[in-house]
Amino acid sequence: GTRTRVEYARALAMRPKVILLDEPAAGLNHE
């Protein structure tokens, strides 16, 4: 779960206008 946030952070570091999220909930628990 923390690694997914790291990848998300890396995408935000690109200063995106749009972010493409490919199955971001895969492997995550309910919380």
ModelCIF file with pLDDT and N, C-alpha, C, O atoms, coordinates in Angstrom:
data_MODEL
#
_entry.id   MODEL 
#
_entity.id                         1 
_entity.type                       polymer 
_entity.pdbx_number_of_molecules   1 
#
_entity_poly.entity_id                      1 
_entity_poly.type                           'polypeptide(L)' 
_entity_poly.nstd_linkage                   no 
_entity_poly.nstd_monomer                   no 
_entity_poly.pdbx_seq_one_letter_code       GTRTRVEYARALAMRPKVILLDEPAAGLNHE 
_entity_poly.pdbx_seq_one_letter_code_can   GTRTRVEYARALAMRPKVILLDEPAAGLNHE 
_entity_poly.pdbx_strand_id                 A 
#
loop_
_entity_poly_seq.entity_id 
_entity_poly_seq.num 
_entity_poly_seq.mon_id 
_entity_poly_seq.hetero 
1 1  GLY n 
1 2  THR n 
1 3  ARG n 
1 4  THR n 
1 5  ARG n 
1 6  VAL n 
1 7  GLU n 
1 8  TYR n 
1 9  ALA n 
1 10 ARG n 
1 11 ALA n 
1 12 LEU n 
1 13 ALA n 
1 14 MET n 
1 15 ARG n 
1 16 PRO n 
1 17 LYS n 
1 18 VAL n 
1 19 ILE n 
1 20 LEU n 
1 21 LEU n 
1 22 ASP n 
1 23 GLU n 
1 24 PRO n 
1 25 ALA n 
1 26 ALA n 
1 27 GLY n 
1 28 LEU n 
1 29 ASN n 
1 30 HIS n 
1 31 GLU n 
#
_struct_asym.id          A 
_struct_asym.entity_id   1 
#
loop_
_ma_qa_metric.id 
_ma_qa_metric.mode 
_ma_qa_metric.name 
_ma_qa_metric.software_group_id 
_ma_qa_metric.type 
1 global pLDDT . pLDDT 
2 local  pLDDT . pLDDT 
#
_ma_qa_metric_global.metric_id      1 
_ma_qa_metric_global.metric_value   90.06 
_ma_qa_metric_global.model_id       1 
_ma_qa_metric_global.ordinal_id     1 
#
loop_
_ma_qa_metric_local.label_asym_id 
_ma_qa_metric_local.label_comp_id 
_ma_qa_metric_local.label_seq_id 
_ma_qa_metric_local.metric_id 
_ma_qa_metric_local.metric_value 
_ma_qa_metric_local.model_id 
_ma_qa_metric_local.ordinal_id 
A GLY 1  2 87.00 1 1  
A THR 2  2 91.00 1 2  
A ARG 3  2 90.00 1 3  
A THR 4  2 89.00 1 4  
A ARG 5  2 91.00 1 5  
A VAL 6  2 93.00 1 6  
A GLU 7  2 91.00 1 7  
A TYR 8  2 93.00 1 8  
A ALA 9  2 94.00 1 9  
A ARG 10 2 91.00 1 10 
A ALA 11 2 91.00 1 11 
A LEU 12 2 94.00 1 12 
A ALA 13 2 91.00 1 13 
A MET 14 2 89.00 1 14 
A ARG 15 2 90.00 1 15 
A PRO 16 2 92.00 1 16 
A LYS 17 2 94.00 1 17 
A VAL 18 2 95.00 1 18 
A ILE 19 2 95.00 1 19 
A LEU 20 2 94.00 1 20 
A LEU 21 2 94.00 1 21 
A ASP 22 2 89.00 1 22 
A GLU 23 2 88.00 1 23 
A PRO 24 2 89.00 1 24 
A ALA 25 2 86.00 1 25 
A ALA 26 2 84.00 1 26 
A GLY 27 2 82.00 1 27 
A LEU 28 2 84.00 1 28 
A ASN 29 2 87.00 1 29 
A HIS 30 2 86.00 1 30 
A GLU 31 2 88.00 1 31 
#
loop_
_atom_site.group_PDB 
_atom_site.id 
_atom_site.type_symbol 
_atom_site.label_atom_id 
_atom_site.label_alt_id 
_atom_site.label_comp_id 
_atom_site.label_asym_id 
_atom_site.label_entity_id 
_atom_site.label_seq_id 
_atom_site.pdbx_PDB_ins_code 
_atom_site.Cartn_x 
_atom_site.Cartn_y 
_atom_site.Cartn_z 
_atom_site.occupancy 
_atom_site.B_iso_or_equiv 
_atom_site.pdbx_formal_charge 
_atom_site.auth_seq_id 
_atom_site.auth_comp_id 
_atom_site.auth_asym_id 
_atom_site.auth_atom_id 
_atom_site.pdbx_PDB_model_num 
ATOM 1   N N  . GLY A 1 1  ? 0.807   -1.211 0.000   1.00 87.00 ? 1  GLY A N  1 
ATOM 2   C CA . GLY A 1 1  ? 0.000   0.000  0.000   1.00 87.00 ? 1  GLY A CA 1 
ATOM 3   C C  . GLY A 1 1  ? 0.838   1.258  0.000   1.00 87.00 ? 1  GLY A C  1 
ATOM 4   O O  . GLY A 1 1  ? 0.479   2.246  -0.641  1.00 87.00 ? 1  GLY A O  1 
ATOM 5   N N  . THR A 1 2  ? 1.956   1.233  0.714   1.00 91.00 ? 2  THR A N  1 
ATOM 6   C CA . THR A 1 2  ? 2.842   2.402  0.748   1.00 91.00 ? 2  THR A CA 1 
ATOM 7   C C  . THR A 1 2  ? 3.558   2.562  -0.581  1.00 91.00 ? 2  THR A C  1 
ATOM 8   O O  . THR A 1 2  ? 3.765   3.686  -1.038  1.00 91.00 ? 2  THR A O  1 
ATOM 9   N N  . ARG A 1 3  ? 3.940   1.452  -1.213  1.00 90.00 ? 3  ARG A N  1 
ATOM 10  C CA . ARG A 1 3  ? 4.600   1.532  -2.522  1.00 90.00 ? 3  ARG A CA 1 
ATOM 11  C C  . ARG A 1 3  ? 3.682   2.162  -3.566  1.00 90.00 ? 3  ARG A C  1 
ATOM 12  O O  . ARG A 1 3  ? 4.147   2.882  -4.449  1.00 90.00 ? 3  ARG A O  1 
ATOM 13  N N  . THR A 1 4  ? 2.379   1.892  -3.468  1.00 89.00 ? 4  THR A N  1 
ATOM 14  C CA . THR A 1 4  ? 1.453   2.516  -4.414  1.00 89.00 ? 4  THR A CA 1 
ATOM 15  C C  . THR A 1 4  ? 1.422   4.032  -4.228  1.00 89.00 ? 4  THR A C  1 
ATOM 16  O O  . THR A 1 4  ? 1.286   4.772  -5.202  1.00 89.00 ? 4  THR A O  1 
ATOM 17  N N  . ARG A 1 5  ? 1.546   4.491  -2.996  1.00 91.00 ? 5  ARG A N  1 
ATOM 18  C CA . ARG A 1 5  ? 1.587   5.943  -2.754  1.00 91.00 ? 5  ARG A CA 1 
ATOM 19  C C  . ARG A 1 5  ? 2.877   6.552  -3.294  1.00 91.00 ? 5  ARG A C  1 
ATOM 20  O O  . ARG A 1 5  ? 2.880   7.689  -3.766  1.00 91.00 ? 5  ARG A O  1 
ATOM 21  N N  . VAL A 1 6  ? 3.977   5.794  -3.224  1.00 93.00 ? 6  VAL A N  1 
ATOM 22  C CA . VAL A 1 6  ? 5.244   6.283  -3.773  1.00 93.00 ? 6  VAL A CA 1 
ATOM 23  C C  . VAL A 1 6  ? 5.113   6.465  -5.286  1.00 93.00 ? 6  VAL A C  1 
ATOM 24  O O  . VAL A 1 6  ? 5.557   7.476  -5.830  1.00 93.00 ? 6  VAL A O  1 
ATOM 25  N N  . GLU A 1 7  ? 4.510   5.500  -5.959  1.00 91.00 ? 7  GLU A N  1 
ATOM 26  C CA . GLU A 1 7  ? 4.319   5.640  -7.403  1.00 91.00 ? 7  GLU A CA 1 
ATOM 27  C C  . GLU A 1 7  ? 3.406   6.821  -7.710  1.00 91.00 ? 7  GLU A C  1 
ATOM 28  O O  . GLU A 1 7  ? 3.636   7.550  -8.675  1.00 91.00 ? 7  GLU A O  1 
ATOM 29  N N  . TYR A 1 8  ? 2.379   7.011  -6.900  1.00 93.00 ? 8  TYR A N  1 
ATOM 30  C CA . TYR A 1 8  ? 1.472   8.144  -7.063  1.00 93.00 ? 8  TYR A CA 1 
ATOM 31  C C  . TYR A 1 8  ? 2.255   9.453  -6.899  1.00 93.00 ? 8  TYR A C  1 
ATOM 32  O O  . TYR A 1 8  ? 2.069   10.398 -7.666  1.00 93.00 ? 8  TYR A O  1 
ATOM 33  N N  . ALA A 1 9  ? 3.133   9.494  -5.890  1.00 94.00 ? 9  ALA A N  1 
ATOM 34  C CA . ALA A 1 9  ? 3.944   10.687 -5.649  1.00 94.00 ? 9  ALA A CA 1 
ATOM 35  C C  . ALA A 1 9  ? 4.843   10.981 -6.838  1.00 94.00 ? 9  ALA A C  1 
ATOM 36  O O  . ALA A 1 9  ? 5.006   12.137 -7.227  1.00 94.00 ? 9  ALA A O  1 
ATOM 37  N N  . ARG A 1 10 ? 5.419   9.950  -7.409  1.00 91.00 ? 10 ARG A N  1 
ATOM 38  C CA . ARG A 1 10 ? 6.301   10.138 -8.569  1.00 91.00 ? 10 ARG A CA 1 
ATOM 39  C C  . ARG A 1 10 ? 5.520   10.727 -9.747  1.00 91.00 ? 10 ARG A C  1 
ATOM 40  O O  . ARG A 1 10 ? 6.031   11.586 -10.465 1.00 91.00 ? 10 ARG A O  1 
ATOM 41  N N  . ALA A 1 11 ? 4.282   10.265 -9.943  1.00 91.00 ? 11 ALA A N  1 
ATOM 42  C CA . ALA A 1 11 ? 3.448   10.813 -11.009 1.00 91.00 ? 11 ALA A CA 1 
ATOM 43  C C  . ALA A 1 11 ? 3.137   12.290 -10.752 1.00 91.00 ? 11 ALA A C  1 
ATOM 44  O O  . ALA A 1 11 ? 3.139   13.093 -11.685 1.00 91.00 ? 11 ALA A O  1 
ATOM 45  N N  . LEU A 1 12 ? 2.871   12.651 -9.500  1.00 94.00 ? 12 LEU A N  1 
ATOM 46  C CA . LEU A 1 12 ? 2.593   14.049 -9.171  1.00 94.00 ? 12 LEU A CA 1 
ATOM 47  C C  . LEU A 1 12 ? 3.828   14.926 -9.356  1.00 94.00 ? 12 LEU A C  1 
ATOM 48  O O  . LEU A 1 12 ? 3.708   16.110 -9.672  1.00 94.00 ? 12 LEU A O  1 
ATOM 49  N N  . ALA A 1 13 ? 5.022   14.346 -9.159  1.00 91.00 ? 13 ALA A N  1 
ATOM 50  C CA . ALA A 1 13 ? 6.259   15.106 -9.339  1.00 91.00 ? 13 ALA A CA 1 
ATOM 51  C C  . ALA A 1 13 ? 6.471   15.523 -10.791 1.00 91.00 ? 13 ALA A C  1 
ATOM 52  O O  . ALA A 1 13 ? 7.292   16.397 -11.070 1.00 91.00 ? 13 ALA A O  1 
ATOM 53  N N  . MET A 1 14 ? 5.741   14.909 -11.712 1.00 89.00 ? 14 MET A N  1 
ATOM 54  C CA . MET A 1 14 ? 5.827   15.295 -13.125 1.00 89.00 ? 14 MET A CA 1 
ATOM 55  C C  . MET A 1 14 ? 5.092   16.603 -13.416 1.00 89.00 ? 14 MET A C  1 
ATOM 56  O O  . MET A 1 14 ? 5.116   17.095 -14.544 1.00 89.00 ? 14 MET A O  1 
ATOM 57  N N  . ARG A 1 15 ? 4.437   17.166 -12.391 1.00 90.00 ? 15 ARG A N  1 
ATOM 58  C CA . ARG A 1 15 ? 3.606   18.368 -12.550 1.00 90.00 ? 15 ARG A CA 1 
ATOM 59  C C  . ARG A 1 15 ? 2.538   18.133 -13.610 1.00 90.00 ? 15 ARG A C  1 
ATOM 60  O O  . ARG A 1 15 ? 2.438   18.909 -14.561 1.00 90.00 ? 15 ARG A O  1 
ATOM 61  N N  . PRO A 1 16 ? 1.740   17.079 -13.467 1.00 92.00 ? 16 PRO A N  1 
ATOM 62  C CA . PRO A 1 16 ? 0.800   16.733 -14.535 1.00 92.00 ? 16 PRO A CA 1 
ATOM 63  C C  . PRO A 1 16 ? -0.411  17.656 -14.592 1.00 92.00 ? 16 PRO A C  1 
ATOM 64  O O  . PRO A 1 16 ? -0.863  18.184 -13.576 1.00 92.00 ? 16 PRO A O  1 
ATOM 65  N N  . LYS A 1 17 ? -0.920  17.835 -15.800 1.00 94.00 ? 17 LYS A N  1 
ATOM 66  C CA . LYS A 1 17 ? -2.236  18.428 -15.985 1.00 94.00 ? 17 LYS A CA 1 
ATOM 67  C C  . LYS A 1 17 ? -3.309  17.357 -15.796 1.00 94.00 ? 17 LYS A C  1 
ATOM 68  O O  . LYS A 1 17 ? -4.402  17.618 -15.294 1.00 94.00 ? 17 LYS A O  1 
ATOM 69  N N  . VAL A 1 18 ? -2.953  16.142 -16.216 1.00 95.00 ? 18 VAL A N  1 
ATOM 70  C CA . VAL A 1 18 ? -3.857  14.996 -16.091 1.00 95.00 ? 18 VAL A CA 1 
ATOM 71  C C  . VAL A 1 18 ? -3.055  13.803 -15.609 1.00 95.00 ? 18 VAL A C  1 
ATOM 72  O O  . VAL A 1 18 ? -1.913  13.607 -16.025 1.00 95.00 ? 18 VAL A O  1 
ATOM 73  N N  . ILE A 1 19 ? -3.643  13.010 -14.738 1.00 95.00 ? 19 ILE A N  1 
ATOM 74  C CA . ILE A 1 19 ? -2.989  11.808 -14.259 1.00 95.00 ? 19 ILE A CA 1 
ATOM 75  C C  . ILE A 1 19 ? -3.837  10.604 -14.662 1.00 95.00 ? 19 ILE A C  1 
ATOM 76  O O  . ILE A 1 19 ? -5.048  10.584 -14.444 1.00 95.00 ? 19 ILE A O  1 
ATOM 77  N N  . LEU A 1 20 ? -3.190  9.607  -15.248 1.00 94.00 ? 20 LEU A N  1 
ATOM 78  C CA . LEU A 1 20 ? -3.833  8.371  -15.682 1.00 94.00 ? 20 LEU A CA 1 
ATOM 79  C C  . LEU A 1 20 ? -3.574  7.315  -14.611 1.00 94.00 ? 20 LEU A C  1 
ATOM 80  O O  . LEU A 1 20 ? -2.428  6.945  -14.358 1.00 94.00 ? 20 LEU A O  1 
ATOM 81  N N  . LEU A 1 21 ? -4.629  6.840  -13.994 1.00 94.00 ? 21 LEU A N  1 
ATOM 82  C CA . LEU A 1 21 ? -4.506  5.866  -12.909 1.00 94.00 ? 21 LEU A CA 1 
ATOM 83  C C  . LEU A 1 21 ? -5.009  4.514  -13.402 1.00 94.00 ? 21 LEU A C  1 
ATOM 84  O O  . LEU A 1 21 ? -6.197  4.350  -13.682 1.00 94.00 ? 21 LEU A O  1 
ATOM 85  N N  . ASP A 1 22 ? -4.100  3.550  -13.505 1.00 89.00 ? 22 ASP A N  1 
ATOM 86  C CA . ASP A 1 22 ? -4.428  2.224  -14.037 1.00 89.00 ? 22 ASP A CA 1 
ATOM 87  C C  . ASP A 1 22 ? -4.611  1.247  -12.889 1.00 89.00 ? 22 ASP A C  1 
ATOM 88  O O  . ASP A 1 22 ? -3.633  0.797  -12.293 1.00 89.00 ? 22 ASP A O  1 
ATOM 89  N N  . GLU A 1 23 ? -5.861  0.916  -12.573 1.00 88.00 ? 23 GLU A N  1 
ATOM 90  C CA . GLU A 1 23 ? -6.212  -0.028 -11.509 1.00 88.00 ? 23 GLU A CA 1 
ATOM 91  C C  . GLU A 1 23 ? -5.526  0.322  -10.183 1.00 88.00 ? 23 GLU A C  1 
ATOM 92  O O  . GLU A 1 23 ? -4.857  -0.536 -9.609  1.00 88.00 ? 23 GLU A O  1 
ATOM 93  N N  . PRO A 1 24 ? -5.668  1.537  -9.685  1.00 89.00 ? 24 PRO A N  1 
ATOM 94  C CA . PRO A 1 24 ? -4.942  1.918  -8.468  1.00 89.00 ? 24 PRO A CA 1 
ATOM 95  C C  . PRO A 1 24 ? -5.390  1.180  -7.218  1.00 89.00 ? 24 PRO A C  1 
ATOM 96  O O  . PRO A 1 24 ? -4.642  1.131  -6.242  1.00 89.00 ? 24 PRO A O  1 
ATOM 97  N N  . ALA A 1 25 ? -6.603  0.598  -7.217  1.00 86.00 ? 25 ALA A N  1 
ATOM 98  C CA . ALA A 1 25 ? -7.086  -0.111 -6.033  1.00 86.00 ? 25 ALA A CA 1 
ATOM 99  C C  . ALA A 1 25 ? -6.678  -1.577 -6.003  1.00 86.00 ? 25 ALA A C  1 
ATOM 100 O O  . ALA A 1 25 ? -6.961  -2.271 -5.027  1.00 86.00 ? 25 ALA A O  1 
ATOM 101 N N  . ALA A 1 26 ? -6.012  -2.066 -7.064  1.00 84.00 ? 26 ALA A N  1 
ATOM 102 C CA . ALA A 1 26 ? -5.629  -3.479 -7.121  1.00 84.00 ? 26 ALA A CA 1 
ATOM 103 C C  . ALA A 1 26 ? -4.691  -3.819 -5.966  1.00 84.00 ? 26 ALA A C  1 
ATOM 104 O O  . ALA A 1 26 ? -3.673  -3.157 -5.765  1.00 84.00 ? 26 ALA A O  1 
ATOM 105 N N  . GLY A 1 27 ? -5.041  -4.850 -5.216  1.00 82.00 ? 27 GLY A N  1 
ATOM 106 C CA . GLY A 1 27 ? -4.192  -5.312 -4.119  1.00 82.00 ? 27 GLY A CA 1 
ATOM 107 C C  . GLY A 1 27 ? -4.373  -4.570 -2.814  1.00 82.00 ? 27 GLY A C  1 
ATOM 108 O O  . GLY A 1 27 ? -3.712  -4.894 -1.827  1.00 82.00 ? 27 GLY A O  1 
ATOM 109 N N  . LEU A 1 28 ? -5.263  -3.568 -2.782  1.00 84.00 ? 28 LEU A N  1 
ATOM 110 C CA . LEU A 1 28 ? -5.474  -2.799 -1.553  1.00 84.00 ? 28 LEU A CA 1 
ATOM 111 C C  . LEU A 1 28 ? -6.610  -3.392 -0.729  1.00 84.00 ? 28 LEU A C  1 
ATOM 112 O O  . LEU A 1 28 ? -7.554  -3.961 -1.278  1.00 84.00 ? 28 LEU A O  1 
ATOM 113 N N  . ASN A 1 29 ? -6.513  -3.256 0.597   1.00 87.00 ? 29 ASN A N  1 
ATOM 114 C CA . ASN A 1 29 ? -7.614  -3.702 1.454   1.00 87.00 ? 29 ASN A CA 1 
ATOM 115 C C  . ASN A 1 29 ? -8.696  -2.624 1.516   1.00 87.00 ? 29 ASN A C  1 
ATOM 116 O O  . ASN A 1 29 ? -8.551  -1.551 0.930   1.00 87.00 ? 29 ASN A O  1 
ATOM 117 N N  . HIS A 1 30 ? -9.777  -2.922 2.232   1.00 86.00 ? 30 HIS A N  1 
ATOM 118 C CA . HIS A 1 30 ? -10.935 -2.029 2.246   1.00 86.00 ? 30 HIS A CA 1 
ATOM 119 C C  . HIS A 1 30 ? -10.567 -0.633 2.739   1.00 86.00 ? 30 HIS A C  1 
ATOM 120 O O  . HIS A 1 30 ? -10.981 0.362  2.144   1.00 86.00 ? 30 HIS A O  1 
ATOM 121 N N  . GLU A 1 31 ? -9.803  -0.553 3.804   1.00 88.00 ? 31 GLU A N  1 
ATOM 122 C CA . GLU A 1 31 ? -9.430  0.746  4.362   1.00 88.00 ? 31 GLU A CA 1 
ATOM 123 C C  . GLU A 1 31 ? -8.527  1.512  3.398   1.00 88.00 ? 31 GLU A C  1 
ATOM 124 O O  . GLU A 1 31 ? -8.111  2.631  3.699   1.00 88.00 ? 31 GLU A O  1 
#
